[in-house]
Each structure stands twice: as structure tokens, then as C-alpha cells.
């Protein structure tokens, strides 16, 4: 079981997106995602969030919100549980990321990017300011083959 965080930082009606083009053997290769990463021993979700955002962007979050939990099942790999956050306050200067290219993307253009299909589902939930949610996504390769929201098939 993997535990990770994923954060979408907001500014001027845009999200900070990471175009994953740098890592080899990357399940997210060429996809656009938020910033975040794997928990280290003893970390809470917030500890992981703050550390990963700082490492990947140079920014220190000052205002953030835990929006939901994503269960990401890819092929026959072990499940990944992703703590999904949005953040609307930060300090510091954006720096280059060694995992890809960081870019501020207008929220209304997000769906035009090369995203995981399930990401479009949770972006819709974020747009609607949905209450805390649990989204289970089952993939075979890049194809979404199953999706449950709060335990119900959608």
C-alpha cells in the first residue's frame, strides 16, 4: 500500500500544474498532475503535503484544505491512497521542479490537458466545492475501467 499527497495550488483562477516529463519509468509520464508525493516514516498527511510542496515548488503553503481521499488502482499494482488537497495561500518564490515543468493553468483549460480520466472527475467535484469525498479509480493502462464515488458506482 502506498500513501501519497496530491495538491492543486490556486492563484488568480489558475492551478499550478506539473507536466511530468522528467522521470524515467513514471506511471504519470507526459500527464499533467498536481504536486505532492510519498509519505515518509512518521509523517501526517499535512507533514507530507508541506514537505513535498516545498521540495517540488519552493513554496511554503499558508492555507490549504483536505478535499478527499483517492484510491488509485493501476493494472495489478498495489493500491495507492492519495490525500487530495487544494491550497490558496503560499509564500516564497516558485522554482524549477526536477520531476517536470510547473505551469499556472487557467482552471477552465484544465480539461484540455493530458490528464488521467479520473482527474477530470475530481476536478469537477472541486469545481462544485463538493464536501469531503472518497473516489476509487480502477485503471487498466490509461483506461479507466471502474469508478466509485463515496462507495457508489458512477
N, C-alpha and C. Protein backbone atom coordinates (compact mmCIF):
# COMPACT_ATOMS: atom_id res chain seq x y z
N UNK A 1 0.85 -1.18 0.00
CA UNK A 1 0.00 0.00 0.00
C UNK A 1 0.89 1.24 0.00
N UNK A 2 0.59 2.15 -0.89
CA UNK A 2 1.32 3.40 -0.97
C UNK A 2 0.44 4.52 -0.42
N UNK A 3 1.04 5.44 0.30
CA UNK A 3 0.35 6.63 0.80
C UNK A 3 1.03 7.86 0.22
N UNK A 4 0.25 8.72 -0.43
CA UNK A 4 0.80 9.91 -1.05
C UNK A 4 -0.12 11.11 -0.83
N UNK A 5 0.41 12.29 -1.11
CA UNK A 5 -0.39 13.51 -1.14
C UNK A 5 -0.39 14.05 -2.56
N UNK A 6 -1.43 14.82 -2.87
CA UNK A 6 -1.56 15.48 -4.16
C UNK A 6 -2.20 16.83 -3.89
N UNK A 7 -1.58 17.90 -4.38
CA UNK A 7 -2.08 19.24 -4.08
C UNK A 7 -2.19 20.07 -5.35
N UNK A 8 -3.30 20.78 -5.44
CA UNK A 8 -3.52 21.74 -6.51
C UNK A 8 -3.53 23.13 -5.88
N UNK A 9 -2.46 23.89 -6.16
CA UNK A 9 -2.30 25.24 -5.60
C UNK A 9 -3.03 26.21 -6.53
N UNK A 10 -3.83 27.09 -5.93
CA UNK A 10 -4.67 28.02 -6.69
C UNK A 10 -4.14 29.45 -6.59
N UNK A 11 -4.18 30.16 -7.73
CA UNK A 11 -3.84 31.58 -7.76
C UNK A 11 -4.49 32.19 -8.99
N UNK A 12 -5.19 33.30 -8.84
CA UNK A 12 -5.77 34.02 -9.98
C UNK A 12 -6.60 33.12 -10.88
N UNK A 13 -7.43 32.26 -10.28
CA UNK A 13 -8.31 31.34 -11.01
C UNK A 13 -7.52 30.36 -11.89
N UNK A 14 -6.30 30.03 -11.42
CA UNK A 14 -5.45 29.05 -12.10
C UNK A 14 -5.00 28.02 -11.07
N UNK A 15 -4.63 26.83 -11.56
CA UNK A 15 -4.00 25.81 -10.74
C UNK A 15 -2.55 25.66 -11.19
N UNK A 16 -1.67 25.43 -10.23
CA UNK A 16 -0.28 25.10 -10.55
C UNK A 16 -0.24 23.63 -10.93
N UNK A 17 0.14 23.37 -12.18
CA UNK A 17 0.16 22.01 -12.71
C UNK A 17 1.59 21.60 -13.00
N UNK A 18 1.85 20.31 -12.82
CA UNK A 18 3.15 19.72 -13.09
C UNK A 18 3.03 18.81 -14.30
N UNK A 19 3.74 19.16 -15.37
CA UNK A 19 3.78 18.31 -16.58
C UNK A 19 4.92 17.33 -16.38
N UNK A 20 4.58 16.05 -16.14
CA UNK A 20 5.57 15.03 -15.78
C UNK A 20 6.32 14.55 -17.01
N UNK A 21 7.47 15.17 -17.26
CA UNK A 21 8.24 14.82 -18.44
C UNK A 21 9.68 14.39 -18.11
N UNK A 22 10.07 14.41 -16.84
CA UNK A 22 11.49 14.21 -16.49
C UNK A 22 11.86 12.83 -15.98
N UNK A 23 10.97 12.18 -15.24
CA UNK A 23 11.32 10.91 -14.61
C UNK A 23 11.23 9.74 -15.59
N UNK A 24 12.14 8.80 -15.44
CA UNK A 24 12.06 7.56 -16.22
C UNK A 24 11.14 6.58 -15.49
N UNK A 25 10.51 5.67 -16.21
CA UNK A 25 9.61 4.67 -15.61
C UNK A 25 8.56 5.32 -14.71
N UNK A 26 7.92 6.34 -15.22
CA UNK A 26 6.95 7.13 -14.45
C UNK A 26 5.54 6.79 -14.92
N UNK A 27 4.70 6.30 -14.00
CA UNK A 27 3.31 5.99 -14.34
C UNK A 27 2.59 7.26 -14.84
N UNK A 28 3.07 8.43 -14.42
CA UNK A 28 2.48 9.71 -14.82
C UNK A 28 3.17 10.36 -16.02
N UNK A 29 4.04 9.63 -16.71
CA UNK A 29 4.81 10.20 -17.83
C UNK A 29 3.89 10.92 -18.81
N UNK A 30 4.25 12.17 -19.12
CA UNK A 30 3.55 13.06 -20.06
C UNK A 30 2.18 13.53 -19.57
N UNK A 31 1.75 13.12 -18.38
CA UNK A 31 0.48 13.59 -17.82
C UNK A 31 0.71 14.91 -17.06
N UNK A 32 -0.36 15.63 -16.89
CA UNK A 32 -0.37 16.85 -16.06
C UNK A 32 -1.04 16.48 -14.74
N UNK A 33 -0.36 16.74 -13.65
CA UNK A 33 -0.88 16.44 -12.32
C UNK A 33 -0.57 17.60 -11.38
N UNK A 34 -0.99 17.46 -10.13
CA UNK A 34 -0.62 18.44 -9.12
C UNK A 34 0.74 18.07 -8.54
N UNK A 35 1.11 18.73 -7.45
CA UNK A 35 2.38 18.43 -6.79
C UNK A 35 2.10 17.60 -5.54
N UNK A 36 3.09 16.85 -5.12
CA UNK A 36 2.94 16.00 -3.94
C UNK A 36 3.86 14.82 -4.05
N UNK A 37 3.64 13.84 -3.17
CA UNK A 37 4.49 12.66 -3.22
C UNK A 37 4.25 11.73 -2.06
N UNK A 38 5.20 10.84 -1.86
CA UNK A 38 5.09 9.75 -0.88
C UNK A 38 5.37 10.21 0.55
N UNK A 39 4.60 9.63 1.46
CA UNK A 39 4.82 9.85 2.88
C UNK A 39 6.18 9.30 3.30
N UNK A 40 6.82 9.98 4.23
CA UNK A 40 8.00 9.45 4.90
C UNK A 40 7.56 8.95 6.27
N UNK A 41 8.36 8.08 6.87
CA UNK A 41 8.02 7.48 8.16
C UNK A 41 7.66 8.55 9.20
N UNK A 42 6.54 8.34 9.86
CA UNK A 42 6.11 9.23 10.94
C UNK A 42 5.37 10.47 10.50
N UNK A 43 5.23 10.69 9.19
CA UNK A 43 4.57 11.90 8.73
C UNK A 43 3.05 11.78 8.77
N UNK A 44 2.40 12.88 9.10
CA UNK A 44 0.95 13.01 8.93
C UNK A 44 0.71 13.43 7.47
N UNK A 45 -0.54 13.36 7.00
CA UNK A 45 -0.81 13.88 5.65
C UNK A 45 -0.34 15.33 5.47
N UNK A 46 -0.55 16.16 6.49
CA UNK A 46 -0.15 17.56 6.39
C UNK A 46 1.36 17.72 6.35
N UNK A 47 2.08 16.91 7.16
CA UNK A 47 3.56 16.95 7.13
C UNK A 47 4.06 16.64 5.72
N UNK A 48 3.50 15.58 5.14
CA UNK A 48 3.90 15.16 3.79
C UNK A 48 3.57 16.24 2.77
N UNK A 49 2.37 16.77 2.85
CA UNK A 49 1.93 17.82 1.93
C UNK A 49 2.90 18.99 1.95
N UNK A 50 3.17 19.51 3.14
CA UNK A 50 4.01 20.71 3.26
C UNK A 50 5.44 20.43 2.78
N UNK A 51 5.99 19.28 3.12
CA UNK A 51 7.36 18.94 2.71
C UNK A 51 7.43 18.77 1.19
N UNK A 52 6.50 18.00 0.62
CA UNK A 52 6.54 17.74 -0.82
C UNK A 52 6.33 19.01 -1.64
N UNK A 53 5.39 19.85 -1.23
CA UNK A 53 5.17 21.11 -1.96
C UNK A 53 6.44 21.97 -1.92
N UNK A 54 7.07 22.05 -0.76
CA UNK A 54 8.30 22.84 -0.61
C UNK A 54 9.41 22.26 -1.50
N UNK A 55 9.57 20.92 -1.48
CA UNK A 55 10.62 20.28 -2.28
C UNK A 55 10.40 20.47 -3.77
N UNK A 56 9.16 20.35 -4.23
CA UNK A 56 8.88 20.38 -5.67
C UNK A 56 8.71 21.78 -6.24
N UNK A 57 8.30 22.74 -5.41
CA UNK A 57 7.98 24.08 -5.94
C UNK A 57 8.78 25.21 -5.31
N UNK A 58 9.32 25.00 -4.12
CA UNK A 58 9.96 26.07 -3.39
C UNK A 58 8.99 26.89 -2.56
N UNK A 59 7.69 26.60 -2.67
CA UNK A 59 6.66 27.37 -1.97
C UNK A 59 6.35 26.77 -0.61
N UNK A 60 6.01 27.63 0.34
CA UNK A 60 5.55 27.22 1.66
C UNK A 60 4.05 27.52 1.75
N UNK A 61 3.24 26.48 1.92
CA UNK A 61 1.79 26.68 1.98
C UNK A 61 1.40 27.35 3.30
N UNK A 62 0.48 28.31 3.20
CA UNK A 62 -0.04 29.00 4.39
C UNK A 62 -1.54 28.76 4.56
N UNK A 63 -2.21 28.27 3.53
CA UNK A 63 -3.64 27.99 3.60
C UNK A 63 -3.95 26.84 2.65
N UNK A 64 -4.50 25.75 3.22
CA UNK A 64 -4.80 24.56 2.41
C UNK A 64 -5.98 23.83 3.02
N UNK A 65 -6.57 22.95 2.19
CA UNK A 65 -7.79 22.24 2.60
C UNK A 65 -7.73 20.79 2.11
N UNK A 66 -7.98 19.85 3.00
CA UNK A 66 -8.04 18.42 2.67
C UNK A 66 -9.39 18.18 2.01
N UNK A 67 -9.40 17.80 0.71
CA UNK A 67 -10.64 17.73 -0.06
C UNK A 67 -11.20 16.33 -0.20
N UNK A 68 -10.31 15.33 -0.18
CA UNK A 68 -10.81 13.98 -0.36
C UNK A 68 -9.70 12.96 -0.36
N UNK A 69 -10.10 11.71 -0.40
CA UNK A 69 -9.16 10.59 -0.50
C UNK A 69 -9.40 9.88 -1.81
N UNK A 70 -8.32 9.64 -2.55
CA UNK A 70 -8.41 8.93 -3.83
C UNK A 70 -7.80 7.55 -3.65
N UNK A 71 -8.48 6.53 -4.12
CA UNK A 71 -7.92 5.18 -4.16
C UNK A 71 -7.59 4.91 -5.62
N UNK A 72 -6.29 4.82 -5.91
CA UNK A 72 -5.79 4.69 -7.27
C UNK A 72 -5.30 3.26 -7.47
N UNK A 73 -6.03 2.51 -8.28
CA UNK A 73 -5.65 1.13 -8.61
C UNK A 73 -5.21 1.11 -10.06
N UNK A 74 -3.95 0.75 -10.31
CA UNK A 74 -3.38 0.77 -11.65
C UNK A 74 -2.90 -0.62 -12.01
N UNK A 75 -3.49 -1.17 -13.09
CA UNK A 75 -3.18 -2.54 -13.51
C UNK A 75 -3.35 -3.46 -12.31
N UNK A 76 -2.39 -4.31 -12.03
CA UNK A 76 -2.49 -5.19 -10.87
C UNK A 76 -1.55 -4.74 -9.76
N UNK A 77 -1.12 -3.48 -9.80
CA UNK A 77 -0.21 -2.96 -8.78
C UNK A 77 -0.95 -2.77 -7.45
N UNK A 78 -0.16 -2.60 -6.41
CA UNK A 78 -0.70 -2.31 -5.09
C UNK A 78 -1.48 -0.99 -5.14
N UNK A 79 -2.54 -0.90 -4.34
CA UNK A 79 -3.33 0.33 -4.30
C UNK A 79 -2.50 1.49 -3.78
N UNK A 80 -2.78 2.67 -4.33
CA UNK A 80 -2.19 3.91 -3.82
C UNK A 80 -3.33 4.74 -3.24
N UNK A 81 -3.15 5.19 -2.01
CA UNK A 81 -4.13 6.05 -1.36
C UNK A 81 -3.57 7.47 -1.37
N UNK A 82 -4.31 8.36 -2.02
CA UNK A 82 -3.84 9.72 -2.25
C UNK A 82 -4.70 10.69 -1.46
N UNK A 83 -4.05 11.48 -0.61
CA UNK A 83 -4.73 12.55 0.14
C UNK A 83 -4.74 13.78 -0.76
N UNK A 84 -5.94 14.18 -1.19
CA UNK A 84 -6.10 15.27 -2.15
C UNK A 84 -6.35 16.60 -1.44
N UNK A 85 -5.53 17.58 -1.76
CA UNK A 85 -5.64 18.91 -1.17
C UNK A 85 -5.75 19.97 -2.26
N UNK A 86 -6.36 21.09 -1.87
CA UNK A 86 -6.20 22.33 -2.63
C UNK A 86 -5.59 23.34 -1.65
N UNK A 87 -4.87 24.30 -2.21
CA UNK A 87 -4.23 25.33 -1.38
C UNK A 87 -4.45 26.68 -2.04
N UNK A 88 -4.77 27.68 -1.23
CA UNK A 88 -4.99 29.01 -1.80
C UNK A 88 -4.13 30.08 -1.14
N UNK A 89 -3.15 29.65 -0.35
CA UNK A 89 -2.22 30.60 0.25
C UNK A 89 -0.83 30.00 0.30
N UNK A 90 0.16 30.82 -0.07
CA UNK A 90 1.54 30.34 -0.04
C UNK A 90 2.50 31.52 0.03
N UNK A 91 3.72 31.23 0.42
CA UNK A 91 4.80 32.21 0.47
C UNK A 91 5.99 31.63 -0.29
N UNK A 92 6.86 32.54 -0.74
CA UNK A 92 8.08 32.10 -1.40
C UNK A 92 8.02 32.28 -2.90
N UNK A 93 9.11 31.88 -3.55
CA UNK A 93 9.24 32.01 -4.99
C UNK A 93 9.21 30.64 -5.64
N UNK A 94 8.44 30.52 -6.71
CA UNK A 94 8.35 29.28 -7.46
C UNK A 94 9.71 28.99 -8.10
N UNK A 95 10.14 27.72 -7.98
CA UNK A 95 11.40 27.33 -8.59
C UNK A 95 11.17 26.15 -9.53
N UNK A 96 12.20 25.82 -10.30
CA UNK A 96 12.08 24.69 -11.22
C UNK A 96 11.95 23.39 -10.45
N UNK A 97 11.24 22.44 -11.05
CA UNK A 97 11.00 21.13 -10.43
C UNK A 97 11.74 20.07 -11.23
N UNK A 98 12.43 19.16 -10.53
CA UNK A 98 13.19 18.12 -11.24
C UNK A 98 12.31 16.98 -11.74
N UNK A 99 10.99 17.04 -11.47
CA UNK A 99 10.08 15.98 -11.94
C UNK A 99 9.32 16.37 -13.20
N UNK A 100 9.50 17.61 -13.64
CA UNK A 100 8.81 18.08 -14.84
C UNK A 100 8.72 19.59 -14.85
N UNK A 101 7.78 20.09 -15.65
CA UNK A 101 7.61 21.52 -15.84
C UNK A 101 6.39 22.01 -15.06
N UNK A 102 6.59 23.04 -14.24
CA UNK A 102 5.49 23.65 -13.49
C UNK A 102 4.90 24.80 -14.32
N UNK A 103 3.57 24.86 -14.34
CA UNK A 103 2.91 25.91 -15.12
C UNK A 103 1.57 26.26 -14.48
N UNK A 104 1.28 27.58 -14.40
CA UNK A 104 -0.03 28.03 -13.94
C UNK A 104 -1.01 27.90 -15.11
N UNK A 105 -2.05 27.09 -14.92
CA UNK A 105 -3.01 26.82 -15.99
C UNK A 105 -4.39 27.32 -15.57
N UNK A 106 -5.06 28.14 -16.42
CA UNK A 106 -6.42 28.58 -16.07
C UNK A 106 -7.31 27.37 -15.80
N UNK A 107 -8.13 27.48 -14.74
CA UNK A 107 -8.99 26.35 -14.34
C UNK A 107 -9.90 25.89 -15.47
N UNK A 108 -10.36 26.82 -16.30
CA UNK A 108 -11.27 26.42 -17.37
C UNK A 108 -10.55 25.75 -18.54
N UNK A 109 -9.22 25.64 -18.49
CA UNK A 109 -8.46 24.95 -19.53
C UNK A 109 -7.90 23.60 -19.06
N UNK A 110 -8.11 23.27 -17.79
CA UNK A 110 -7.53 22.05 -17.21
C UNK A 110 -7.96 20.80 -17.98
N UNK A 111 -9.24 20.72 -18.33
CA UNK A 111 -9.75 19.52 -19.00
C UNK A 111 -9.14 19.31 -20.39
N UNK A 112 -8.48 20.33 -20.95
CA UNK A 112 -7.84 20.20 -22.26
C UNK A 112 -6.45 19.57 -22.17
N UNK A 113 -5.92 19.42 -20.95
CA UNK A 113 -4.59 18.85 -20.76
C UNK A 113 -4.63 17.32 -20.84
N UNK A 114 -3.47 16.71 -20.96
CA UNK A 114 -3.35 15.25 -20.92
C UNK A 114 -3.43 14.81 -19.45
N UNK A 115 -4.66 14.52 -19.01
CA UNK A 115 -4.93 14.14 -17.62
C UNK A 115 -5.35 12.68 -17.57
N UNK A 116 -5.22 12.08 -16.38
CA UNK A 116 -5.89 10.81 -16.12
C UNK A 116 -7.39 11.09 -16.21
N UNK A 117 -8.16 10.15 -16.75
CA UNK A 117 -9.62 10.33 -16.87
C UNK A 117 -10.25 10.62 -15.51
N UNK A 118 -9.81 9.92 -14.48
CA UNK A 118 -10.35 10.12 -13.14
C UNK A 118 -10.09 11.51 -12.58
N UNK A 119 -8.99 12.14 -13.03
CA UNK A 119 -8.69 13.50 -12.56
C UNK A 119 -9.79 14.46 -13.00
N UNK A 120 -10.36 14.24 -14.19
CA UNK A 120 -11.45 15.11 -14.65
C UNK A 120 -12.65 14.98 -13.73
N UNK A 121 -12.85 13.78 -13.17
CA UNK A 121 -13.95 13.56 -12.24
C UNK A 121 -13.73 14.35 -10.96
N UNK A 122 -12.52 14.26 -10.38
CA UNK A 122 -12.32 15.00 -9.13
C UNK A 122 -12.20 16.50 -9.36
N UNK A 123 -11.71 16.94 -10.53
CA UNK A 123 -11.72 18.38 -10.82
C UNK A 123 -13.14 18.91 -10.84
N UNK A 124 -14.08 18.12 -11.37
CA UNK A 124 -15.48 18.51 -11.37
C UNK A 124 -16.01 18.64 -9.94
N UNK A 125 -15.62 17.69 -9.08
CA UNK A 125 -16.02 17.77 -7.67
C UNK A 125 -15.43 19.01 -6.99
N UNK A 126 -14.17 19.32 -7.30
CA UNK A 126 -13.54 20.52 -6.73
C UNK A 126 -14.25 21.78 -7.22
N UNK A 127 -14.58 21.81 -8.52
CA UNK A 127 -15.29 22.98 -9.08
C UNK A 127 -16.62 23.21 -8.38
N UNK A 128 -17.30 22.10 -8.04
CA UNK A 128 -18.61 22.19 -7.37
C UNK A 128 -18.48 22.38 -5.87
N UNK A 129 -17.24 22.50 -5.38
CA UNK A 129 -16.96 22.62 -3.94
C UNK A 129 -17.66 21.51 -3.16
N UNK A 130 -17.56 20.29 -3.69
CA UNK A 130 -18.17 19.12 -3.04
C UNK A 130 -17.58 18.94 -1.64
N UNK A 131 -18.40 18.41 -0.71
CA UNK A 131 -17.84 18.10 0.61
C UNK A 131 -16.81 16.97 0.48
N UNK A 132 -16.08 16.71 1.55
CA UNK A 132 -15.03 15.69 1.57
C UNK A 132 -15.55 14.42 0.90
N UNK A 133 -14.76 13.85 -0.01
CA UNK A 133 -15.21 12.70 -0.78
C UNK A 133 -14.15 11.60 -0.84
N UNK A 134 -14.63 10.40 -1.16
CA UNK A 134 -13.77 9.25 -1.42
C UNK A 134 -14.03 8.80 -2.85
N UNK A 135 -12.98 8.82 -3.68
CA UNK A 135 -13.10 8.46 -5.09
C UNK A 135 -12.16 7.30 -5.38
N UNK A 136 -12.73 6.17 -5.81
CA UNK A 136 -11.95 4.98 -6.14
C UNK A 136 -11.87 4.87 -7.66
N UNK A 137 -10.64 4.78 -8.17
CA UNK A 137 -10.40 4.75 -9.61
C UNK A 137 -9.63 3.49 -9.96
N UNK A 138 -10.15 2.71 -10.90
CA UNK A 138 -9.52 1.46 -11.33
C UNK A 138 -9.09 1.62 -12.79
N UNK A 139 -7.80 1.48 -13.03
CA UNK A 139 -7.25 1.63 -14.38
C UNK A 139 -6.65 0.33 -14.88
N UNK A 140 -6.78 0.12 -16.19
CA UNK A 140 -6.01 -0.89 -16.90
C UNK A 140 -5.25 -0.08 -17.95
N UNK A 141 -3.95 0.09 -17.74
CA UNK A 141 -3.19 1.03 -18.58
C UNK A 141 -3.74 2.42 -18.36
N UNK A 142 -3.95 3.16 -19.43
CA UNK A 142 -4.50 4.52 -19.32
C UNK A 142 -6.02 4.54 -19.31
N UNK A 143 -6.66 3.36 -19.38
CA UNK A 143 -8.12 3.29 -19.49
C UNK A 143 -8.77 3.13 -18.11
N UNK A 144 -9.68 4.04 -17.80
CA UNK A 144 -10.45 3.95 -16.55
C UNK A 144 -11.51 2.87 -16.74
N UNK A 145 -11.44 1.81 -15.94
CA UNK A 145 -12.38 0.69 -16.09
C UNK A 145 -13.37 0.59 -14.93
N UNK A 146 -13.18 1.40 -13.89
CA UNK A 146 -14.11 1.40 -12.76
C UNK A 146 -13.94 2.67 -11.96
N UNK A 147 -15.07 3.18 -11.45
CA UNK A 147 -15.05 4.40 -10.68
C UNK A 147 -16.17 4.38 -9.66
N UNK A 148 -15.83 4.65 -8.40
CA UNK A 148 -16.82 4.74 -7.33
C UNK A 148 -16.63 6.04 -6.58
N UNK A 149 -17.73 6.73 -6.31
CA UNK A 149 -17.72 7.95 -5.51
C UNK A 149 -18.46 7.65 -4.21
N UNK A 150 -17.75 7.78 -3.10
CA UNK A 150 -18.32 7.51 -1.78
C UNK A 150 -19.00 6.15 -1.74
N UNK A 151 -18.33 5.14 -2.35
CA UNK A 151 -18.80 3.76 -2.30
C UNK A 151 -19.84 3.37 -3.32
N UNK A 152 -20.23 4.31 -4.19
CA UNK A 152 -21.26 4.01 -5.20
C UNK A 152 -20.66 4.13 -6.60
N UNK A 153 -20.96 3.12 -7.46
CA UNK A 153 -20.51 3.13 -8.85
C UNK A 153 -21.00 4.40 -9.54
N UNK A 154 -20.13 5.02 -10.32
CA UNK A 154 -20.58 6.16 -11.16
C UNK A 154 -20.13 5.94 -12.59
